Amino acid sequence: MSTPTIQPPPGRFIDRRSRSAHAHAGRERRQFKNSHEDLTPAAAELAEAIDTYKLRHRRRFITYEEMLGVVESLGYHK
């Protein structure tokens, strides 16, 4: 059985950002994909580090500077 869609009255705004409005409150959406299982070990390590960074800093998407910081925190350098 599917959940019915609630339509707001004309001219009304529904704030969907509240926690109660989220069906998957404990699930974090990822920037790239939802699974790391088909990645190489090094790519999976990077993906996990980026996900950890995003959860810690409450970010859904990160900038290139932030990604560089994550890569450097794993020990990579130019």
C-alpha atoms as a PDB file:
ATOM      1  CA  MET A   1       0.000   0.000   0.000  1.00  0.00           C
ATOM      2  CA  SER A   2       1.488   3.353  -0.996  1.00  0.00           C
ATOM      3  CA  THR A   3       1.500   6.470   1.138  1.00  0.00           C
ATOM      4  CA  PRO A   4      -0.996   9.070  -0.089  1.00  0.00           C
ATOM      5  CA  THR A   5       0.443  12.327  -1.398  1.00  0.00           C
ATOM      6  CA  ILE A   6      -0.662  15.356   0.601  1.00  0.00           C
ATOM      7  CA  GLN A   7      -1.563  18.305  -1.596  1.00  0.00           C
ATOM      8  CA  PRO A   8      -1.389  21.743   0.046  1.00  0.00           C
ATOM      9  CA  PRO A   9      -4.366  24.059  -0.247  1.00  0.00           C
ATOM     10  CA  PRO A  10      -3.908  26.606  -3.069  1.00  0.00           C
ATOM     11  CA  GLY A  11      -1.584  29.426  -2.019  1.00  0.00           C
ATOM     12  CA  ARG A  12      -0.135  27.488   0.955  1.00  0.00           C
ATOM     13  CA  PHE A  13       3.505  26.489   1.462  1.00  0.00           C
ATOM     14  CA  ILE A  14       4.582  23.208   3.058  1.00  0.00           C
ATOM     15  CA  ASP A  15       8.016  23.330   4.687  1.00  0.00           C
ATOM     16  CA  ARG A  16       9.517  19.944   3.800  1.00  0.00           C
ATOM     17  CA  ARG A  17      12.737  20.625   5.700  1.00  0.00           C
ATOM     18  CA  SER A  18      11.337  19.675   9.094  1.00  0.00           C
ATOM     19  CA  ARG A  19      12.472  16.311  10.492  1.00  0.00           C
ATOM     20  CA  SER A  20       8.914  15.010  10.811  1.00  0.00           C
ATOM     21  CA  ALA A  21       8.389  15.443   7.075  1.00  0.00           C
ATOM     22  CA  HIS A  22      11.274  13.124   6.179  1.00  0.00           C
ATOM     23  CA  ALA A  23      10.292   9.529   5.541  1.00  0.00           C
ATOM     24  CA  HIS A  24      13.902   8.354   5.884  1.00  0.00           C
ATOM     25  CA  ALA A  25      15.114  10.494   8.789  1.00  0.00           C
ATOM     26  CA  GLY A  26      18.139   8.296   9.605  1.00  0.00           C
ATOM     27  CA  ARG A  27      19.299   7.840   6.025  1.00  0.00           C
ATOM     28  CA  GLU A  28      21.850  10.236   4.564  1.00  0.00           C
ATOM     29  CA  ARG A  29      21.768  10.930   0.831  1.00  0.00           C
ATOM     30  CA  ARG A  30      25.123  10.655  -0.897  1.00  0.00           C
ATOM     31  CA  GLN A  31      26.552  12.922  -3.541  1.00  0.00           C
ATOM     32  CA  PHE A  32      27.714  10.233  -5.949  1.00  0.00           C
ATOM     33  CA  LYS A  33      25.803   6.987  -5.362  1.00  0.00           C
ATOM     34  CA  ASN A  34      24.317   4.848  -2.605  1.00  0.00           C
ATOM     35  CA  SER A  35      26.759   1.960  -2.628  1.00  0.00           C
ATOM     36  CA  HIS A  36      30.503   1.471  -2.496  1.00  0.00           C
ATOM     37  CA  GLU A  37      30.429  -2.259  -3.169  1.00  0.00           C
ATOM     38  CA  ASP A  38      31.582  -2.120  -6.808  1.00  0.00           C
ATOM     39  CA  LEU A  39      34.533   0.207  -6.136  1.00  0.00           C
ATOM     40  CA  THR A  40      38.201  -0.695  -5.861  1.00  0.00           C
ATOM     41  CA  PRO A  41      39.508  -0.722  -2.273  1.00  0.00           C
ATOM     42  CA  ALA A  42      41.221   2.674  -2.724  1.00  0.00           C
ATOM     43  CA  ALA A  43      38.091   4.249  -4.244  1.00  0.00           C
ATOM     44  CA  ALA A  44      35.915   2.752  -1.499  1.00  0.00           C
ATOM     45  CA  GLU A  45      38.259   4.230   1.139  1.00  0.00           C
ATOM     46  CA  LEU A  46      37.952   7.668  -0.493  1.00  0.00           C
ATOM     47  CA  ALA A  47      34.162   7.364  -0.783  1.00  0.00           C
ATOM     48  CA  GLU A  48      33.868   6.372   2.894  1.00  0.00           C
ATOM     49  CA  ALA A  49      36.141   9.265   3.942  1.00  0.00           C
ATOM     50  CA  ILE A  50      34.032  11.730   1.930  1.00  0.00           C
ATOM     51  CA  ASP A  51      30.790  10.350   3.399  1.00  0.00           C
ATOM     52  CA  THR A  52      32.251  10.609   6.906  1.00  0.00           C
ATOM     53  CA  TYR A  53      33.315  14.200   6.244  1.00  0.00           C
ATOM     54  CA  LYS A  54      29.845  15.100   4.959  1.00  0.00           C
ATOM     55  CA  LEU A  55      28.104  13.544   7.956  1.00  0.00           C
ATOM     56  CA  ARG A  56      30.474  15.188  10.439  1.00  0.00           C
ATOM     57  CA  HIS A  57      30.059  18.625   8.843  1.00  0.00           C
ATOM     58  CA  ARG A  58      26.364  18.199   7.993  1.00  0.00           C
ATOM     59  CA  ARG A  59      26.953  18.749   4.282  1.00  0.00           C
ATOM     60  CA  ARG A  60      25.053  17.100   1.453  1.00  0.00           C
ATOM     61  CA  PHE A  61      27.548  18.192  -1.196  1.00  0.00           C
ATOM     62  CA  ILE A  62      31.169  19.277  -0.811  1.00  0.00           C
ATOM     63  CA  THR A  63      33.375  21.695  -2.714  1.00  0.00           C
ATOM     64  CA  TYR A  64      36.589  20.789  -4.518  1.00  0.00           C
ATOM     65  CA  GLU A  65      38.567  22.404  -1.682  1.00  0.00           C
ATOM     66  CA  GLU A  66      36.798  20.195   0.860  1.00  0.00           C
ATOM     67  CA  MET A  67      37.401  17.119  -1.294  1.00  0.00           C
ATOM     68  CA  LEU A  68      41.085  18.022  -1.552  1.00  0.00           C
ATOM     69  CA  GLY A  69      41.213  18.235   2.241  1.00  0.00           C
ATOM     70  CA  VAL A  70      39.672  14.756   2.530  1.00  0.00           C
ATOM     71  CA  VAL A  71      42.137  13.349  -0.032  1.00  0.00           C
ATOM     72  CA  GLU A  72      45.072  14.947   1.818  1.00  0.00           C
ATOM     73  CA  SER A  73      43.770  13.582   5.150  1.00  0.00           C
ATOM     74  CA  LEU A  74      44.120  10.099   3.645  1.00  0.00           C
ATOM     75  CA  GLY A  75      47.819  10.799   3.042  1.00  0.00           C
ATOM     76  CA  TYR A  76      47.793  11.669  -0.645  1.00  0.00           C
ATOM     77  CA  HIS A  77      49.911  14.600  -1.848  1.00  0.00           C
ATOM     78  CA  LYS A  78      51.107  16.070  -5.124  1.00  0.00           C
END
